[in-house]
Amino acid sequence: MGFPSREEVRHLRYLYPPGRIVMLAEMYDEPQAPTRGTCGEIRGVDDAGSILVRWDNGSTLSLIPSVDKFYLLEHRPADLEK
């Protein structure tokens, strides 16, 4: 897996803007990954194309869009109950 082009990074930043909420389905080959179903807030996309996330459990592990599985949410699950 190589580094994405500037255009690819620009597209990722469009798809995954800061403030959006994600829910983790699977983080590939990462022993310190948050558990499945953990939510977090996107903080940005770095120049390597990784999605920077502040997870609700305090972790800051980044998502790799072409490797990890996750869902974009409209709201945090707790927000839906209000």
PDB file of N, CA and C in Angstrom:
ATOM      1  N   MET A   1       0.841  -1.178   0.000  1.00  0.00           N
ATOM      2  CA  MET A   1       0.000   0.000   0.000  1.00  0.00           C
ATOM      3  C   MET A   1       0.883   1.237   0.000  1.00  0.00           C
ATOM      4  N   GLY A   2       0.758   2.070  -1.010  1.00  0.00           N
ATOM      5  CA  GLY A   2       1.547   3.287  -1.104  1.00  0.00           C
ATOM      6  C   GLY A   2       0.791   4.481  -0.556  1.00  0.00           C
ATOM      7  N   PHE A   3       1.458   5.612  -0.578  1.00  0.00           N
ATOM      8  CA  PHE A   3       0.824   6.839  -0.112  1.00  0.00           C
ATOM      9  C   PHE A   3      -0.150   7.353  -1.167  1.00  0.00           C
ATOM     10  N   PRO A   4      -1.259   7.936  -0.728  1.00  0.00           N
ATOM     11  CA  PRO A   4      -2.232   8.463  -1.687  1.00  0.00           C
ATOM     12  C   PRO A   4      -1.724   9.760  -2.321  1.00  0.00           C
ATOM     13  N   SER A   5      -2.259  10.056  -3.473  1.00  0.00           N
ATOM     14  CA  SER A   5      -1.912  11.308  -4.150  1.00  0.00           C
ATOM     15  C   SER A   5      -2.583  12.480  -3.417  1.00  0.00           C
ATOM     16  N   ARG A   6      -2.179  13.675  -3.758  1.00  0.00           N
ATOM     17  CA  ARG A   6      -2.804  14.870  -3.160  1.00  0.00           C
ATOM     18  C   ARG A   6      -4.300  14.902  -3.443  1.00  0.00           C
ATOM     19  N   GLU A   7      -4.667  14.508  -4.649  1.00  0.00           N
ATOM     20  CA  GLU A   7      -6.086  14.498  -5.028  1.00  0.00           C
ATOM     21  C   GLU A   7      -6.857  13.474  -4.185  1.00  0.00           C
ATOM     22  N   GLU A   8      -6.268  12.315  -3.963  1.00  0.00           N
ATOM     23  CA  GLU A   8      -6.920  11.297  -3.129  1.00  0.00           C
ATOM     24  C   GLU A   8      -7.076  11.786  -1.690  1.00  0.00           C
ATOM     25  N   VAL A   9      -6.059  12.448  -1.166  1.00  0.00           N
ATOM     26  CA  VAL A   9      -6.152  12.994   0.198  1.00  0.00           C
ATOM     27  C   VAL A   9      -7.227  14.073   0.243  1.00  0.00           C
ATOM     28  N   ARG A  10      -7.285  14.924  -0.755  1.00  0.00           N
ATOM     29  CA  ARG A  10      -8.316  15.963  -0.831  1.00  0.00           C
ATOM     30  C   ARG A  10      -9.709  15.329  -0.824  1.00  0.00           C
ATOM     31  N   HIS A  11      -9.875  14.250  -1.555  1.00  0.00           N
ATOM     32  CA  HIS A  11     -11.161  13.559  -1.603  1.00  0.00           C
ATOM     33  C   HIS A  11     -11.507  12.939  -0.237  1.00  0.00           C
ATOM     34  N   LEU A  12     -10.526  12.328   0.417  1.00  0.00           N
ATOM     35  CA  LEU A  12     -10.752  11.769   1.748  1.00  0.00           C
ATOM     36  C   LEU A  12     -11.159  12.857   2.737  1.00  0.00           C
ATOM     37  N   ARG A  13     -10.536  14.017   2.643  1.00  0.00           N
ATOM     38  CA  ARG A  13     -10.888  15.131   3.532  1.00  0.00           C
ATOM     39  C   ARG A  13     -12.311  15.622   3.278  1.00  0.00           C
ATOM     40  N   TYR A  14     -12.753  15.531   2.041  1.00  0.00           N
ATOM     41  CA  TYR A  14     -14.139  15.877   1.719  1.00  0.00           C
ATOM     42  C   TYR A  14     -15.107  14.847   2.313  1.00  0.00           C
ATOM     43  N   LEU A  15     -14.754  13.555   2.166  1.00  0.00           N
ATOM     44  CA  LEU A  15     -15.630  12.488   2.668  1.00  0.00           C
ATOM     45  C   LEU A  15     -15.678  12.413   4.189  1.00  0.00           C
ATOM     46  N   TYR A  16     -14.561  12.726   4.846  1.00  0.00           N
ATOM     47  CA  TYR A  16     -14.434  12.551   6.291  1.00  0.00           C
ATOM     48  C   TYR A  16     -14.019  13.860   6.963  1.00  0.00           C
ATOM     49  N   PRO A  17     -14.924  14.843   6.995  1.00  0.00           N
ATOM     50  CA  PRO A  17     -14.571  16.136   7.590  1.00  0.00           C
ATOM     51  C   PRO A  17     -14.518  16.066   9.122  1.00  0.00           C
ATOM     52  N   PRO A  18     -13.754  16.965   9.737  1.00  0.00           N
ATOM     53  CA  PRO A  18     -13.711  17.025  11.199  1.00  0.00           C
ATOM     54  C   PRO A  18     -15.116  17.204  11.781  1.00  0.00           C
ATOM     55  N   GLY A  19     -15.328  16.539  12.910  1.00  0.00           N
ATOM     56  CA  GLY A  19     -16.622  16.642  13.586  1.00  0.00           C
ATOM     57  C   GLY A  19     -17.568  15.498  13.299  1.00  0.00           C
ATOM     58  N   ARG A  20     -17.375  14.786  12.191  1.00  0.00           N
ATOM     59  CA  ARG A  20     -18.238  13.640  11.886  1.00  0.00           C
ATOM     60  C   ARG A  20     -17.976  12.526  12.889  1.00  0.00           C
ATOM     61  N   ILE A  21     -19.009  11.745  13.156  1.00  0.00           N
ATOM     62  CA  ILE A  21     -18.915  10.650  14.113  1.00  0.00           C
ATOM     63  C   ILE A  21     -18.744   9.336  13.351  1.00  0.00           C
ATOM     64  N   VAL A  22     -17.832   8.492  13.828  1.00  0.00           N
ATOM     65  CA  VAL A  22     -17.628   7.173  13.242  1.00  0.00           C
ATOM     66  C   VAL A  22     -17.841   6.109  14.306  1.00  0.00           C
ATOM     67  N   MET A  23     -18.225   4.918  13.847  1.00  0.00           N
ATOM     68  CA  MET A  23     -18.336   3.754  14.728  1.00  0.00           C
ATOM     69  C   MET A  23     -17.445   2.671  14.154  1.00  0.00           C
ATOM     70  N   LEU A  24     -16.596   2.119  14.989  1.00  0.00           N
ATOM     71  CA  LEU A  24     -15.651   1.102  14.545  1.00  0.00           C
ATOM     72  C   LEU A  24     -16.338  -0.244  14.360  1.00  0.00           C
ATOM     73  N   ALA A  25     -16.091  -0.873  13.221  1.00  0.00           N
ATOM     74  CA  ALA A  25     -16.552  -2.244  12.978  1.00  0.00           C
ATOM     75  C   ALA A  25     -15.382  -3.204  13.143  1.00  0.00           C
ATOM     76  N   GLU A  26     -14.223  -2.833  12.581  1.00  0.00           N
ATOM     77  CA  GLU A  26     -13.037  -3.691  12.688  1.00  0.00           C
ATOM     78  C   GLU A  26     -11.792  -2.870  12.356  1.00  0.00           C
ATOM     79  N   MET A  27     -10.785  -2.985  13.200  1.00  0.00           N
ATOM     80  CA  MET A  27      -9.498  -2.359  12.926  1.00  0.00           C
ATOM     81  C   MET A  27      -8.509  -3.489  12.702  1.00  0.00           C
ATOM     82  N   TYR A  28      -7.981  -3.572  11.512  1.00  0.00           N
ATOM     83  CA  TYR A  28      -7.152  -4.680  11.086  1.00  0.00           C
ATOM     84  C   TYR A  28      -5.815  -4.715  11.805  1.00  0.00           C
ATOM     85  N   ASP A  29      -5.488  -5.858  12.369  1.00  0.00           N
ATOM     86  CA  ASP A  29      -4.153  -6.156  12.894  1.00  0.00           C
ATOM     87  C   ASP A  29      -3.629  -5.098  13.864  1.00  0.00           C
ATOM     88  N   GLU A  30      -4.481  -4.635  14.758  1.00  0.00           N
ATOM     89  CA  GLU A  30      -4.075  -3.629  15.743  1.00  0.00           C
ATOM     90  C   GLU A  30      -4.502  -4.107  17.124  1.00  0.00           C
ATOM     91  N   PRO A  31      -3.554  -4.622  17.918  1.00  0.00           N
ATOM     92  CA  PRO A  31      -3.910  -5.171  19.230  1.00  0.00           C
ATOM     93  C   PRO A  31      -4.461  -4.137  20.202  1.00  0.00           C
ATOM     94  N   GLN A  32      -4.153  -2.868  20.005  1.00  0.00           N
ATOM     95  CA  GLN A  32      -4.641  -1.830  20.907  1.00  0.00           C
ATOM     96  C   GLN A  32      -5.880  -1.125  20.373  1.00  0.00           C
ATOM     97  N   ALA A  33      -6.513  -1.708  19.377  1.00  0.00           N
ATOM     98  CA  ALA A  33      -7.692  -1.097  18.767  1.00  0.00           C
ATOM     99  C   ALA A  33      -8.832  -0.989  19.766  1.00  0.00           C
ATOM    100  N   PRO A  34      -9.633   0.061  19.642  1.00  0.00           N
ATOM    101  CA  PRO A  34     -10.854   0.127  20.442  1.00  0.00           C
ATOM    102  C   PRO A  34     -11.749  -1.067  20.118  1.00  0.00           C
ATOM    103  N   THR A  35     -12.620  -1.415  21.031  1.00  0.00           N
ATOM    104  CA  THR A  35     -13.515  -2.542  20.785  1.00  0.00           C
ATOM    105  C   THR A  35     -14.529  -2.201  19.699  1.00  0.00           C
ATOM    106  N   ARG A  36     -15.012  -3.232  19.047  1.00  0.00           N
ATOM    107  CA  ARG A  36     -16.028  -3.079  18.005  1.00  0.00           C
ATOM    108  C   ARG A  36     -17.223  -2.321  18.592  1.00  0.00           C
ATOM    109  N   GLY A  37     -17.729  -1.362  17.845  1.00  0.00           N
ATOM    110  CA  GLY A  37     -18.868  -0.568  18.289  1.00  0.00           C
ATOM    111  C   GLY A  37     -18.487   0.728  18.981  1.00  0.00           C
ATOM    112  N   THR A  38     -17.180   0.935  19.231  1.00  0.00           N
ATOM    113  CA  THR A  38     -16.737   2.180  19.848  1.00  0.00           C
ATOM    114  C   THR A  38     -16.927   3.328  18.861  1.00  0.00           C
ATOM    115  N   CYS A  39     -17.420   4.445  19.359  1.00  0.00           N
ATOM    116  CA  CYS A  39     -17.607   5.631  18.530  1.00  0.00           C
ATOM    117  C   CYS A  39     -16.492   6.623  18.777  1.00  0.00           C
ATOM    118  N   GLY A  40     -16.323   7.525  17.839  1.00  0.00           N
ATOM    119  CA  GLY A  40     -15.329   8.572  17.983  1.00  0.00           C
ATOM    120  C   GLY A  40     -15.628   9.712  17.039  1.00  0.00           C
ATOM    121  N   GLU A  41     -14.920  10.816  17.247  1.00  0.00           N
ATOM    122  CA  GLU A  41     -15.090  12.003  16.424  1.00  0.00           C
ATOM    123  C   GLU A  41     -13.885  12.180  15.520  1.00  0.00           C
ATOM    124  N   ILE A  42     -14.136  12.393  14.245  1.00  0.00           N
ATOM    125  CA  ILE A  42     -13.060  12.637  13.293  1.00  0.00           C
ATOM    126  C   ILE A  42     -12.436  13.994  13.593  1.00  0.00           C
ATOM    127  N   ARG A  43     -11.104  14.012  13.670  1.00  0.00           N
ATOM    128  CA  ARG A  43     -10.353  15.241  13.917  1.00  0.00           C
ATOM    129  C   ARG A  43      -9.730  15.770  12.628  1.00  0.00           C
ATOM    130  N   GLY A  44      -9.644  14.916  11.596  1.00  0.00           N
ATOM    131  CA  GLY A  44      -9.060  15.336  10.329  1.00  0.00           C
ATOM    132  C   GLY A  44      -8.507  14.142   9.573  1.00  0.00           C
ATOM    133  N   VAL A  45      -7.898  14.430   8.435  1.00  0.00           N
ATOM    134  CA  VAL A  45      -7.227  13.419   7.605  1.00  0.00           C
ATOM    135  C   VAL A  45      -5.804  13.908   7.384  1.00  0.00           C
ATOM    136  N   ASP A  46      -4.825  13.061   7.692  1.00  0.00           N
ATOM    137  CA  ASP A  46      -3.429  13.491   7.527  1.00  0.00           C
ATOM    138  C   ASP A  46      -2.976  13.313   6.078  1.00  0.00           C
ATOM    139  N   ASP A  47      -1.754  13.730   5.790  1.00  0.00           N
ATOM    140  CA  ASP A  47      -1.233  13.693   4.420  1.00  0.00           C
ATOM    141  C   ASP A  47      -1.028  12.277   3.895  1.00  0.00           C
ATOM    142  N   ALA A  48      -1.011  11.287   4.803  1.00  0.00           N
ATOM    143  CA  ALA A  48      -0.883   9.890   4.385  1.00  0.00           C
ATOM    144  C   ALA A  48      -2.251   9.262   4.114  1.00  0.00           C
ATOM    145  N   GLY A  49      -3.327  10.021   4.332  1.00  0.00           N
ATOM    146  CA  GLY A  49      -4.673   9.511   4.077  1.00  0.00           C
ATOM    147  C   GLY A  49      -5.296   8.792   5.254  1.00  0.00           C
ATOM    148  N   SER A  50      -4.661   8.831   6.427  1.00  0.00           N
ATOM    149  CA  SER A  50      -5.241   8.220   7.624  1.00  0.00           C
ATOM    150  C   SER A  50      -6.258   9.173   8.237  1.00  0.00           C
ATOM    151  N   ILE A  51      -7.345   8.607   8.739  1.00  0.00           N
ATOM    152  CA  ILE A  51      -8.390   9.410   9.374  1.00  0.00           C
ATOM    153  C   ILE A  51      -8.071   9.509  10.861  1.00  0.00           C
ATOM    154  N   LEU A  52      -7.843  10.724  11.326  1.00  0.00           N
ATOM    155  CA  LEU A  52      -7.496  10.968  12.720  1.00  0.00           C
ATOM    156  C   LEU A  52      -8.780  10.988  13.541  1.00  0.00           C
ATOM    157  N   VAL A  53      -8.838  10.146  14.562  1.00  0.00           N
ATOM    158  CA  VAL A  53     -10.059  10.001  15.360  1.00  0.00           C
ATOM    159  C   VAL A  53      -9.742  10.131  16.835  1.00  0.00           C
ATOM    160  N   ARG A  54     -10.596  10.841  17.552  1.00  0.00           N
ATOM    161  CA  ARG A  54     -10.551  10.843  19.016  1.00  0.00           C
ATOM    162  C   ARG A  54     -11.684   9.919  19.461  1.00  0.00           C
ATOM    163  N   TRP A  55     -11.311   8.710  19.864  1.00  0.00           N
ATOM    164  CA  TRP A  55     -12.287   7.694  20.252  1.00  0.00           C
ATOM    165  C   TRP A  55     -12.854   8.009  21.632  1.00  0.00           C
ATOM    166  N   ASP A  56     -14.091   7.601  21.862  1.00  0.00           N
ATOM    167  CA  ASP A  56     -14.763   7.858  23.131  1.00  0.00           C
ATOM    168  C   ASP A  56     -14.063   7.200  24.319  1.00  0.00           C
ATOM    169  N   ASN A  57     -13.259   6.182  24.070  1.00  0.00           N
ATOM    170  CA  ASN A  57     -12.540   5.510  25.153  1.00  0.00           C
ATOM    171  C   ASN A  57     -11.195   6.182  25.451  1.00  0.00           C
ATOM    172  N   GLY A  58     -10.894   7.291  24.776  1.00  0.00           N
ATOM    173  CA  GLY A  58      -9.660   8.023  25.007  1.00  0.00           C
ATOM    174  C   GLY A  58      -8.550   7.727  24.016  1.00  0.00           C
ATOM    175  N   SER A  59      -8.691   6.682  23.224  1.00  0.00           N
ATOM    176  CA  SER A  59      -7.689   6.323  22.228  1.00  0.00           C
ATOM    177  C   SER A  59      -7.665   7.357  21.104  1.00  0.00           C
ATOM    178  N   THR A  60      -6.513   7.453  20.461  1.00  0.00           N
ATOM    179  CA  THR A  60      -6.391   8.337  19.297  1.00  0.00           C
ATOM    180  C   THR A  60      -5.847   7.585  18.084  1.00  0.00           C
ATOM    181  N   LEU A  61      -6.052   6.281  18.044  1.00  0.00           N
ATOM    182  CA  LEU A  61      -5.601   5.503  16.888  1.00  0.00           C
ATOM    183  C   LEU A  61      -6.342   5.962  15.643  1.00  0.00           C
ATOM    184  N   SER A  62      -5.607   6.075  14.557  1.00  0.00           N
ATOM    185  CA  SER A  62      -6.188   6.514  13.290  1.00  0.00           C
ATOM    186  C   SER A  62      -6.782   5.341  12.526  1.00  0.00           C
ATOM    187  N   LEU A  63      -7.759   5.652  11.692  1.00  0.00           N
ATOM    188  CA  LEU A  63      -8.346   4.671  10.789  1.00  0.00           C
ATOM    189  C   LEU A  63      -7.637   4.737   9.443  1.00  0.00           C
ATOM    190  N   ILE A  64      -7.458   3.593   8.820  1.00  0.00           N
ATOM    191  CA  ILE A  64      -6.933   3.535   7.462  1.00  0.00           C
ATOM    192  C   ILE A  64      -8.108   3.137   6.575  1.00  0.00           C
ATOM    193  N   PRO A  65      -8.615   4.068   5.765  1.00  0.00           N
ATOM    194  CA  PRO A  65      -9.857   3.830   5.024  1.00  0.00           C
ATOM    195  C   PRO A  65      -9.868   2.572   4.160  1.00  0.00           C
ATOM    196  N   SER A  66      -8.756   2.210   3.554  1.00  0.00           N
ATOM    197  CA  SER A  66      -8.743   1.046   2.664  1.00  0.00           C
ATOM    198  C   SER A  66      -8.525  -0.271   3.413  1.00  0.00           C
ATOM    199  N   VAL A  67      -8.319  -0.202   4.734  1.00  0.00           N
ATOM    200  CA  VAL A  67      -8.015  -1.390   5.526  1.00  0.00           C
ATOM    201  C   VAL A  67      -9.041  -1.622   6.631  1.00  0.00           C
ATOM    202  N   ASP A  68      -9.306  -0.592   7.418  1.00  0.00           N
ATOM    203  CA  ASP A  68     -10.207  -0.717   8.557  1.00  0.00           C
ATOM    204  C   ASP A  68     -11.660  -0.572   8.115  1.00  0.00           C
ATOM    205  N   LYS A  69     -12.552  -1.160   8.919  1.00  0.00           N
ATOM    206  CA  LYS A  69     -13.987  -1.087   8.616  1.00  0.00           C
ATOM    207  C   LYS A  69     -14.664  -0.235   9.675  1.00  0.00           C
ATOM    208  N   PHE A  70     -15.459   0.719   9.208  1.00  0.00           N
ATOM    209  CA  PHE A  70     -16.139   1.644  10.109  1.00  0.00           C
ATOM    210  C   PHE A  70     -17.353   2.229   9.407  1.00  0.00           C
ATOM    211  N   TYR A  71     -18.217   2.841  10.219  1.00  0.00           N
ATOM    212  CA  TYR A  71     -19.436   3.458   9.698  1.00  0.00           C
ATOM    213  C   TYR A  71     -19.448   4.931  10.058  1.00  0.00           C
ATOM    214  N   LEU A  72     -19.899   5.761   9.145  1.00  0.00           N
ATOM    215  CA  LEU A  72     -20.162   7.163   9.449  1.00  0.00           C
ATOM    216  C   LEU A  72     -21.566   7.244  10.020  1.00  0.00           C
ATOM    217  N   LEU A  73     -21.723   7.967  11.119  1.00  0.00           N
ATOM    218  CA  LEU A  73     -23.021   8.112  11.756  1.00  0.00           C
ATOM    219  C   LEU A  73     -23.494   9.556  11.668  1.00  0.00           C
ATOM    220  N   GLU A  74     -24.802   9.737  11.673  1.00  0.00           N
ATOM    221  CA  GLU A  74     -25.369  11.077  11.711  1.00  0.00           C
ATOM    222  C   GLU A  74     -25.265  11.649  13.127  1.00  0.00           C
ATOM    223  N   HIS A  75     -25.404  10.778  14.138  1.00  0.00           N
ATOM    224  CA  HIS A  75     -25.357  11.182  15.544  1.00  0.00           C
ATOM    225  C   HIS A  75     -24.697  10.072  16.335  1.00  0.00           C
ATOM    226  N   ARG A  76     -24.190  10.413  17.487  1.00  0.00           N
ATOM    227  CA  ARG A  76     -23.718   9.374  18.421  1.00  0.00           C
ATOM    228  C   ARG A  76     -24.935   8.567  18.859  1.00  0.00           C
ATOM    229  N   PRO A  77     -24.779   7.271  19.064  1.00  0.00           N
ATOM    230  CA  PRO A  77     -25.923   6.447  19.480  1.00  0.00           C
ATOM    231  C   PRO A  77     -26.650   6.997  20.707  1.00  0.00           C
ATOM    232  N   ALA A  78     -25.947   7.543  21.688  1.00  0.00           N
ATOM    233  CA  ALA A  78     -26.600   8.097  22.879  1.00  0.00           C
ATOM    234  C   ALA A  78     -27.454   9.312  22.512  1.00  0.00           C
ATOM    235  N   ASP A  79     -27.053  10.060  21.480  1.00  0.00           N
ATOM    236  CA  ASP A  79     -27.814  11.232  21.064  1.00  0.00           C
ATOM    237  C   ASP A  79     -29.177  10.858  20.496  1.00  0.00           C
ATOM    238  N   LEU A  80     -29.309   9.650  19.965  1.00  0.00           N
ATOM    239  CA  LEU A  80     -30.572   9.225  19.381  1.00  0.00           C
ATOM    240  C   LEU A  80     -31.645   9.006  20.440  1.00  0.00           C
ATOM    241  N   GLU A  81     -31.240   8.738  21.683  1.00  0.00           N
ATOM    242  CA  GLU A  81     -32.193   8.480  22.746  1.00  0.00           C
ATOM    243  C   GLU A  81     -32.797   9.763  23.313  1.00  0.00           C
ATOM    244  N   LYS A  82     -32.192  10.905  23.063  1.00  0.00           N
ATOM    245  CA  LYS A  82     -32.654  12.169  23.642  1.00  0.00           C
ATOM    246  C   LYS A  82     -33.844  12.717  22.920  1.00  0.00           C
TER     247      LYS A  82
END
